Amino acid sequence: MTGEMLLLVLLVITALGFDFTNGFHDTGNAMATSIATGALKPKVAVGISAVLNLVGAFLSVEVAATITKDVLNIQQTSGDVVTGLTPTTALLIIFAGLIGGILWNLFTWLFGLPSSSSHALFGGLIGSGIAAIGLSGINWHGVLSKIIVPALFAPVIACIVAACGTWLVFAITRRIDANRKEAGFRYGQIASASLVSLAHGTGDAQKTMGVIAMALIVTGHLDASTVSHGLPFWVVFSCAAAIAIGTYLGGWRIIRTLGKGLVEISSPQGMAAEASSAAIILTSSAAGMALSTTQVATGSILGSGVGKKGAQVRWSVAGRMAVAWMTTLPAAGLVGAFCFFIANLLGDVAGGIAIFVLLLAASGYLYWRAQQNKIDSHNVNAEWDDTTDSIIPAAQAKPTTIA
């Protein structure tokens, strides 16, 4: 096996690893409110979400095509790498960017913060691209129009739509008995949450497909002109399977934050939030916008709290989320740049192996830290501890709890 092929194989494995973290990091976007209201049992919820993420990944390639051309300037229109850039260096840029995205996903998951997996990926790629080529290595027009602008407007629009939907739902059903209303909307939540899962598959799985496609293009294994018409089946299937497996394992720490820590949510609010999220995500996927499903879902959940009179919204938790959103791109970018620097310093193949080992070590450590205060399907719905504002159920809190 040549050095270039070894790097490509390691990159594909790492890309699928990112897709896996994307799955468990974003499960809460679809299922947190359904789990919190009791519409679905936790294991059933993540099982449904996993299947629909798998199906959704096969529905479109618009977002994948966006990733291949609108983030990094490492390939010509024909697919050849830009002048002065070798295929192995191009692979290292993508490789380092993926590591930046994965480590930020794991770090925010440890603290139960629903940050954007999409922006972690883009931040990592932008950071490694700047480290390798400079500012000219980034397609700033694509980043602005397809990533930054949607990131600014999507959560606001989602919040407004969900607030209006929640207000309308309660206005229409104001004469219905509260218990009957709650029970009825739980069935509606199953449908709306399922739609969000399907929408998530059409958007987020494609981002990893786009990264793998970009690697195949710069190494001459894929024609750039064919991406918008479809990708190799093995790319689509492997990415769909990775995100589905990650979704099924469930990012319980983030599900808890979205379902219990942000808003004390009822079934009508949950249905309104999920329906708003699904509509916005599906619309953006059709337009090829690499939207953050996390930001949309969080905005919708906040809107469901604003739209219900007397609902409790924990703005301190929302503030921590906002900080995570603002720091995601630069933080993942710094990790991506650092990883490229290490890989480039050691040489193509040795550098690629070194940063892969670094990824495994750092991931193992973050996972170990999370197990010290474990959240799973058994305690995900425990009451939120307002005194500590903690993601850890109060009954399990220990002196070493990471809050």
Protein backbone atom coordinates (compact mmCIF):
# COMPACT_ATOMS: atom_id res chain seq x y z
CA MET A 1 0.00 0.00 0.00
CA THR A 2 1.40 3.39 -1.00
CA GLY A 3 1.69 6.26 1.47
CA GLU A 4 -1.07 8.16 -0.31
CA MET A 5 -3.43 5.19 -0.16
CA LEU A 6 -2.67 4.65 3.55
CA LEU A 7 -3.53 8.29 4.26
CA LEU A 8 -6.73 7.96 2.26
CA VAL A 9 -7.78 4.87 4.22
CA LEU A 10 -7.04 6.54 7.57
CA LEU A 11 -8.93 9.63 6.42
CA VAL A 12 -12.02 7.63 5.46
CA ILE A 13 -11.96 5.84 8.84
CA THR A 14 -11.63 9.21 10.60
CA ALA A 15 -14.44 10.70 8.52
CA LEU A 16 -16.74 7.85 9.52
CA GLY A 17 -15.63 8.44 13.11
CA PHE A 18 -16.74 12.05 12.78
CA ASP A 19 -20.05 10.87 11.33
CA PHE A 20 -20.47 8.57 14.33
CA THR A 21 -19.89 11.45 16.77
CA ASN A 22 -22.26 13.59 14.73
CA GLY A 23 -24.93 10.93 15.24
CA PHE A 24 -24.75 10.70 19.02
CA HIS A 25 -24.04 14.42 19.39
CA ASP A 26 -27.19 15.37 17.48
CA THR A 27 -29.68 12.70 18.58
CA GLY A 28 -31.12 15.21 21.02
CA ASN A 29 -32.06 17.55 18.18
CA ALA A 30 -34.81 15.16 17.17
CA MET A 31 -35.67 13.17 20.26
CA ALA A 32 -34.88 15.23 23.39
CA THR A 33 -38.36 16.74 23.73
CA SER A 34 -40.15 13.44 22.98
CA ILE A 35 -38.07 11.71 25.67
CA ALA A 36 -38.59 14.57 28.14
CA THR A 37 -42.39 14.56 27.77
CA GLY A 38 -42.65 10.77 27.85
CA ALA A 39 -43.98 10.54 24.29
CA LEU A 40 -41.33 7.93 23.59
CA LYS A 41 -39.22 5.74 25.83
CA PRO A 42 -35.53 6.67 25.57
CA LYS A 43 -34.32 3.50 23.81
CA VAL A 44 -37.31 3.46 21.46
CA ALA A 45 -36.71 7.12 20.58
CA VAL A 46 -33.06 6.66 19.63
CA GLY A 47 -33.93 3.48 17.71
CA ILE A 48 -36.51 5.29 15.57
CA SER A 49 -34.11 8.19 15.09
CA ALA A 50 -31.32 5.87 13.96
CA VAL A 51 -33.46 4.17 11.31
CA LEU A 52 -34.73 7.48 9.93
CA ASN A 53 -31.24 8.99 9.89
CA LEU A 54 -30.18 5.97 7.81
CA VAL A 55 -33.05 6.48 5.37
CA GLY A 56 -32.59 10.25 5.18
CA ALA A 57 -28.96 9.91 4.16
CA PHE A 58 -30.04 8.36 0.84
CA LEU A 59 -32.48 11.12 -0.14
CA SER A 60 -30.16 13.86 -1.45
CA VAL A 61 -26.56 14.85 -2.25
CA GLU A 62 -26.97 18.63 -2.43
CA VAL A 63 -25.21 19.30 0.87
CA ALA A 64 -22.41 16.85 -0.02
CA ALA A 65 -21.79 18.77 -3.24
CA THR A 66 -21.60 22.00 -1.22
CA ILE A 67 -18.89 20.56 1.05
CA THR A 68 -16.70 19.47 -1.86
CA LYS A 69 -16.46 22.95 -3.39
CA ASP A 70 -17.63 25.67 -0.99
CA VAL A 71 -15.25 25.33 1.99
CA LEU A 72 -11.68 24.59 0.86
CA ASN A 73 -9.85 25.77 -2.27
CA ILE A 74 -7.72 22.67 -2.69
CA GLN A 75 -8.96 21.46 -6.06
CA GLN A 76 -9.41 22.84 -9.56
CA THR A 77 -12.71 22.58 -11.40
CA SER A 78 -11.39 19.41 -13.01
CA GLY A 79 -10.68 17.90 -9.58
CA ASP A 80 -6.90 18.29 -9.75
CA VAL A 81 -5.28 19.78 -6.66
CA VAL A 82 -4.31 23.46 -6.85
CA THR A 83 -0.86 24.38 -8.10
CA GLY A 84 1.88 23.68 -5.59
CA LEU A 85 -0.27 21.33 -3.50
CA THR A 86 0.34 17.57 -3.63
CA PRO A 87 -2.49 15.04 -3.17
CA THR A 88 -0.94 13.85 0.12
CA THR A 89 -0.83 17.41 1.47
CA ALA A 90 -4.44 17.91 0.43
CA LEU A 91 -5.34 14.72 2.30
CA LEU A 92 -3.53 15.95 5.42
CA ILE A 93 -5.54 19.21 5.29
CA ILE A 94 -8.82 17.28 5.24
CA PHE A 95 -7.53 14.76 7.81
CA ALA A 96 -6.48 17.46 10.29
CA GLY A 97 -9.79 19.27 9.83
CA LEU A 98 -11.74 16.13 10.66
CA ILE A 99 -9.76 15.67 13.87
CA GLY A 100 -10.57 19.24 14.90
CA GLY A 101 -14.28 18.52 14.37
CA ILE A 102 -14.25 15.21 16.26
CA LEU A 103 -12.41 16.53 19.31
CA TRP A 104 -14.68 19.56 19.62
CA ASN A 105 -17.73 17.27 19.33
CA LEU A 106 -16.42 15.08 22.15
CA PHE A 107 -15.43 18.04 24.31
CA THR A 108 -18.86 19.68 24.10
CA TRP A 109 -20.58 16.31 24.56
CA LEU A 110 -18.64 15.83 27.80
CA PHE A 111 -20.16 19.07 29.13
CA GLY A 112 -23.60 18.34 27.68
CA LEU A 113 -23.45 21.34 25.36
CA PRO A 114 -25.43 20.98 22.11
CA SER A 115 -22.93 22.78 19.90
CA SER A 116 -22.95 22.40 16.14
CA SER A 117 -21.24 19.30 14.71
CA SER A 118 -21.43 20.96 11.30
CA HIS A 119 -19.58 24.07 12.45
CA ALA A 120 -17.01 21.92 14.26
CA LEU A 121 -16.28 20.19 10.95
CA PHE A 122 -16.15 23.45 9.00
CA GLY A 123 -14.00 25.09 11.66
CA GLY A 124 -11.52 22.21 11.60
CA LEU A 125 -11.29 22.31 7.80
CA ILE A 126 -10.90 26.09 7.72
CA GLY A 127 -8.19 26.00 10.39
CA SER A 128 -6.16 23.31 8.65
CA GLY A 129 -6.69 24.99 5.28
CA ILE A 130 -5.33 28.32 6.55
CA ALA A 131 -2.39 26.55 8.24
CA ALA A 132 -1.49 24.80 4.98
CA ILE A 133 -2.20 27.39 2.29
CA GLY A 134 -3.09 30.66 3.99
CA LEU A 135 -6.28 32.67 3.64
CA SER A 136 -6.42 31.87 -0.08
CA GLY A 137 -7.02 28.23 0.82
CA ILE A 138 -10.57 29.02 1.94
CA ASN A 139 -13.56 29.66 -0.29
CA TRP A 140 -14.72 32.66 1.71
CA HIS A 141 -17.73 33.37 -0.50
CA GLY A 142 -19.00 29.81 -0.01
CA VAL A 143 -18.29 29.89 3.73
CA LEU A 144 -20.15 33.18 4.12
CA SER A 145 -23.18 32.32 1.99
CA LYS A 146 -23.58 28.65 2.86
CA ILE A 147 -22.39 28.56 6.49
CA ILE A 148 -22.05 31.91 8.30
CA VAL A 149 -25.25 33.61 7.12
CA PRO A 150 -27.45 30.54 7.75
CA ALA A 151 -25.81 30.14 11.18
CA LEU A 152 -26.82 33.69 12.14
CA PHE A 153 -30.40 33.55 10.91
CA ALA A 154 -31.46 29.90 11.32
CA PRO A 155 -31.79 29.78 15.15
CA VAL A 156 -33.59 33.14 15.20
CA ILE A 157 -36.04 32.05 12.51
CA ALA A 158 -36.54 28.70 14.24
CA CYS A 159 -37.23 30.44 17.55
CA ILE A 160 -39.81 32.77 15.98
CA VAL A 161 -41.54 29.99 14.03
CA ALA A 162 -41.71 27.70 17.09
CA ALA A 163 -42.94 30.53 19.34
CA CYS A 164 -45.73 31.35 16.91
CA GLY A 165 -46.58 27.66 16.49
CA THR A 166 -46.66 27.09 20.25
CA TRP A 167 -48.86 30.13 20.85
CA LEU A 168 -51.21 28.99 18.09
CA VAL A 169 -51.40 25.43 19.43
CA PHE A 170 -52.33 26.59 22.93
CA ALA A 171 -54.80 29.16 21.57
CA ILE A 172 -56.63 26.55 19.50
CA THR A 173 -56.70 23.94 22.26
CA ARG A 174 -57.34 26.24 25.24
CA ARG A 175 -60.76 24.66 25.96
CA ILE A 176 -59.45 21.08 25.91
CA ASP A 177 -58.68 19.38 29.20
CA ALA A 178 -54.97 19.62 30.01
CA ASN A 179 -54.50 15.87 30.49
CA ARG A 180 -56.27 15.01 27.23
CA LYS A 181 -54.27 17.68 25.43
CA GLU A 182 -50.98 16.35 26.75
CA ALA A 183 -51.83 12.76 25.80
CA GLY A 184 -53.00 13.70 22.31
CA PHE A 185 -49.96 15.76 21.44
CA ARG A 186 -47.64 12.96 22.50
CA TYR A 187 -48.79 11.03 19.42
CA GLY A 188 -48.15 14.09 17.31
CA GLN A 189 -44.67 14.32 18.78
CA ILE A 190 -43.80 10.86 17.50
CA ALA A 191 -44.52 11.99 13.94
CA SER A 192 -42.79 15.37 14.22
CA ALA A 193 -39.70 13.95 15.96
CA SER A 194 -39.43 11.27 13.28
CA LEU A 195 -39.53 13.96 10.62
CA VAL A 196 -36.65 15.80 12.31
CA SER A 197 -34.61 12.57 12.32
CA LEU A 198 -35.28 12.10 8.61
CA ALA A 199 -34.29 15.71 7.97
CA HIS A 200 -31.12 15.29 10.02
CA GLY A 201 -30.08 12.35 7.87
CA THR A 202 -30.57 14.34 4.66
CA GLY A 203 -28.31 17.12 5.97
CA ASP A 204 -25.67 15.90 8.39
CA ALA A 205 -24.75 12.52 6.90
CA GLN A 206 -24.10 14.30 3.62
CA LYS A 207 -21.44 16.51 5.20
CA THR A 208 -19.26 13.48 5.85
CA MET A 209 -20.06 12.17 2.37
CA GLY A 210 -18.81 15.47 1.00
CA VAL A 211 -15.55 15.23 2.94
CA ILE A 212 -14.88 11.69 1.71
CA ALA A 213 -15.80 12.75 -1.83
CA MET A 214 -13.34 15.65 -1.59
CA ALA A 215 -10.57 13.23 -0.57
CA LEU A 216 -11.44 10.89 -3.44
CA ILE A 217 -11.42 13.80 -5.90
CA VAL A 218 -7.98 15.13 -4.96
CA THR A 219 -6.50 11.62 -5.21
CA GLY A 220 -8.08 10.99 -8.60
CA HIS A 221 -10.53 8.30 -7.47
CA LEU A 222 -13.64 10.38 -8.24
CA ASP A 223 -14.58 12.85 -10.98
CA ALA A 224 -15.53 16.24 -9.47
CA SER A 225 -18.15 16.85 -12.18
CA THR A 226 -20.19 13.80 -11.15
CA VAL A 227 -20.67 14.64 -7.46
CA SER A 228 -23.86 16.66 -7.93
CA HIS A 229 -25.42 13.66 -9.74
CA GLY A 230 -24.58 11.09 -7.10
CA LEU A 231 -21.82 9.48 -5.06
CA PRO A 232 -20.47 5.91 -4.99
CA PHE A 233 -22.85 3.64 -3.10
CA TRP A 234 -20.21 2.61 -0.58
CA VAL A 235 -19.69 6.26 0.42
CA VAL A 236 -23.41 6.87 0.94
CA PHE A 237 -24.03 3.58 2.74
CA SER A 238 -21.03 3.80 5.08
CA CYS A 239 -21.86 7.37 6.09
CA ALA A 240 -25.52 6.52 6.57
CA ALA A 241 -24.60 3.51 8.73
CA ALA A 242 -22.07 5.46 10.83
CA ILE A 243 -24.49 8.28 11.68
CA ALA A 244 -27.28 5.77 12.37
CA ILE A 245 -25.12 3.73 14.79
CA GLY A 246 -24.02 6.90 16.57
CA THR A 247 -27.64 8.03 16.80
CA TYR A 248 -28.77 4.72 18.28
CA LEU A 249 -26.12 4.80 21.00
CA GLY A 250 -27.61 8.13 22.00
CA GLY A 251 -25.84 11.26 23.19
CA TRP A 252 -27.61 11.11 26.52
CA ARG A 253 -25.72 14.05 28.01
CA ILE A 254 -26.95 16.38 25.29
CA ILE A 255 -30.42 14.85 25.19
CA ARG A 256 -30.67 15.68 28.90
CA THR A 257 -29.62 19.30 28.40
CA LEU A 258 -32.07 19.90 25.54
CA GLY A 259 -34.95 17.94 27.07
CA LYS A 260 -34.66 18.95 30.74
CA GLY A 261 -32.21 21.81 31.10
CA LEU A 262 -33.39 24.40 28.60
CA VAL A 263 -37.17 24.56 28.93
CA GLU A 264 -39.69 22.72 31.12
CA ILE A 265 -41.48 21.37 28.08
CA SER A 266 -44.93 19.88 27.51
CA SER A 267 -46.11 17.77 24.57
CA PRO A 268 -47.75 20.65 22.63
CA GLN A 269 -44.54 22.65 22.92
CA GLY A 270 -42.48 19.63 21.88
CA MET A 271 -44.56 19.04 18.77
CA ALA A 272 -44.39 22.71 17.78
CA ALA A 273 -40.59 22.77 18.25
CA GLU A 274 -40.01 19.57 16.28
CA ALA A 275 -42.30 20.59 13.41
CA SER A 276 -40.49 23.93 13.13
CA SER A 277 -37.08 22.25 13.13
CA ALA A 278 -38.05 19.72 10.47
CA ALA A 279 -39.46 22.35 8.12
CA ILE A 280 -36.36 24.54 8.32
CA ILE A 281 -33.82 21.71 8.04
CA LEU A 282 -35.52 20.08 5.04
CA THR A 283 -35.79 23.43 3.26
CA SER A 284 -32.10 24.19 3.81
CA SER A 285 -31.01 20.70 2.68
CA ALA A 286 -32.92 21.09 -0.58
CA ALA A 287 -31.12 24.40 -1.14
CA GLY A 288 -27.71 22.84 -0.44
CA MET A 289 -27.15 24.91 2.71
CA ALA A 290 -24.96 23.17 5.30
CA LEU A 291 -27.19 24.24 8.17
CA SER A 292 -26.57 23.38 11.80
CA THR A 293 -29.42 21.14 12.94
CA THR A 294 -28.32 21.77 16.53
CA GLN A 295 -28.84 25.50 16.26
CA VAL A 296 -32.21 25.04 14.56
CA ALA A 297 -33.41 22.53 17.17
CA THR A 298 -32.20 24.66 20.08
CA GLY A 299 -33.80 27.78 18.62
CA SER A 300 -37.07 25.88 18.21
CA ILE A 301 -37.03 24.59 21.79
CA LEU A 302 -36.35 28.10 23.08
CA GLY A 303 -39.20 29.38 20.93
CA SER A 304 -41.55 26.80 22.41
CA GLY A 305 -40.75 28.23 25.84
CA VAL A 306 -41.22 31.82 24.72
CA GLY A 307 -44.50 30.96 23.00
CA LYS A 308 -46.14 29.45 26.08
CA LYS A 309 -47.30 31.88 28.74
CA GLY A 310 -45.62 31.19 32.07
CA ALA A 311 -43.16 28.61 30.72
CA GLN A 312 -39.78 28.42 32.43
CA VAL A 313 -36.78 29.09 30.21
CA ARG A 314 -33.33 28.62 31.76
CA TRP A 315 -31.49 31.48 30.13
CA SER A 316 -28.23 30.61 31.91
CA VAL A 317 -28.16 27.27 30.07
CA ALA A 318 -29.07 29.04 26.82
CA GLY A 319 -26.20 31.46 27.45
CA ARG A 320 -23.71 28.60 27.79
CA MET A 321 -24.98 27.18 24.53
CA ALA A 322 -24.53 30.54 22.81
CA VAL A 323 -20.93 30.71 24.04
CA ALA A 324 -20.32 27.20 22.67
CA TRP A 325 -21.80 28.23 19.32
CA MET A 326 -19.56 31.29 19.07
CA THR A 327 -16.41 29.39 19.97
CA THR A 328 -17.03 26.28 17.86
CA LEU A 329 -15.54 27.52 14.57
CA PRO A 330 -12.39 29.11 16.05
CA ALA A 331 -11.79 26.32 18.61
CA ALA A 332 -12.12 23.50 16.08
CA GLY A 333 -10.06 25.62 13.67
CA LEU A 334 -7.18 25.88 16.15
CA VAL A 335 -7.18 22.11 16.68
CA GLY A 336 -7.28 21.53 12.93
CA ALA A 337 -4.39 23.94 12.38
CA PHE A 338 -2.35 22.35 15.18
CA CYS A 339 -2.91 18.85 13.80
CA PHE A 340 -1.85 19.93 10.31
CA PHE A 341 1.27 21.56 11.75
CA ILE A 342 2.20 18.32 13.54
CA ALA A 343 1.49 16.17 10.48
CA ASN A 344 3.39 18.46 8.14
CA LEU A 345 6.35 18.62 10.54
CA LEU A 346 6.69 14.84 10.70
CA GLY A 347 6.08 14.21 7.02
CA ASP A 348 3.11 12.95 5.04
CA VAL A 349 2.67 9.32 6.13
CA ALA A 350 4.33 9.55 9.55
CA GLY A 351 2.44 12.75 10.24
CA GLY A 352 -0.88 11.20 9.28
CA ILE A 353 -0.28 8.24 11.56
CA ALA A 354 0.81 10.55 14.40
CA ILE A 355 -2.32 12.70 14.34
CA PHE A 356 -4.48 9.57 14.05
CA VAL A 357 -2.87 8.21 17.23
CA LEU A 358 -3.35 11.64 18.86
CA LEU A 359 -7.04 11.49 17.96
CA LEU A 360 -7.44 8.03 19.50
CA ALA A 361 -5.67 9.06 22.72
CA ALA A 362 -7.62 12.30 23.18
CA SER A 363 -10.93 10.60 22.36
CA GLY A 364 -10.23 7.83 24.85
CA TYR A 365 -9.48 10.36 27.58
CA LEU A 366 -12.66 12.38 26.97
CA TYR A 367 -14.74 9.20 26.98
CA TRP A 368 -13.14 8.12 30.25
CA ARG A 369 -13.93 11.48 31.84
CA ALA A 370 -17.55 11.17 30.76
CA GLN A 371 -17.87 7.76 32.43
CA GLN A 372 -16.97 9.29 35.79
CA ASN A 373 -20.45 10.85 35.83
CA LYS A 374 -22.43 8.70 33.46
CA ILE A 375 -25.75 9.70 31.93
CA ASP A 376 -27.72 7.07 30.05
CA SER A 377 -31.27 6.05 29.21
CA HIS A 378 -31.98 5.30 32.89
CA ASN A 379 -31.30 8.77 34.30
CA VAL A 380 -31.65 11.07 31.29
CA ASN A 381 -35.05 12.29 32.52
CA ALA A 382 -34.04 12.92 36.15
CA GLU A 383 -35.10 16.33 37.40
CA TRP A 384 -32.74 19.16 36.51
CA ASP A 385 -30.71 20.49 39.42
CA ASP A 386 -31.30 24.26 39.36
CA THR A 387 -28.99 24.83 42.33
CA THR A 388 -25.95 23.66 40.41
CA ASP A 389 -27.38 24.08 36.88
CA SER A 390 -25.78 20.73 36.22
CA ILE A 391 -26.15 18.18 33.45
CA ILE A 392 -25.60 15.52 36.11
CA PRO A 393 -28.71 14.27 37.96
CA ALA A 394 -28.53 15.58 41.52
CA ALA A 395 -28.79 12.07 42.98
CA GLN A 396 -25.62 11.08 41.15
CA ALA A 397 -23.61 14.25 41.63
CA LYS A 398 -20.19 13.77 43.18
CA PRO A 399 -17.56 16.26 44.35
CA THR A 400 -15.70 15.71 41.06
CA THR A 401 -18.75 16.33 38.87
CA ILE A 402 -18.03 18.33 35.73
CA ALA A 403 -20.84 20.86 35.42
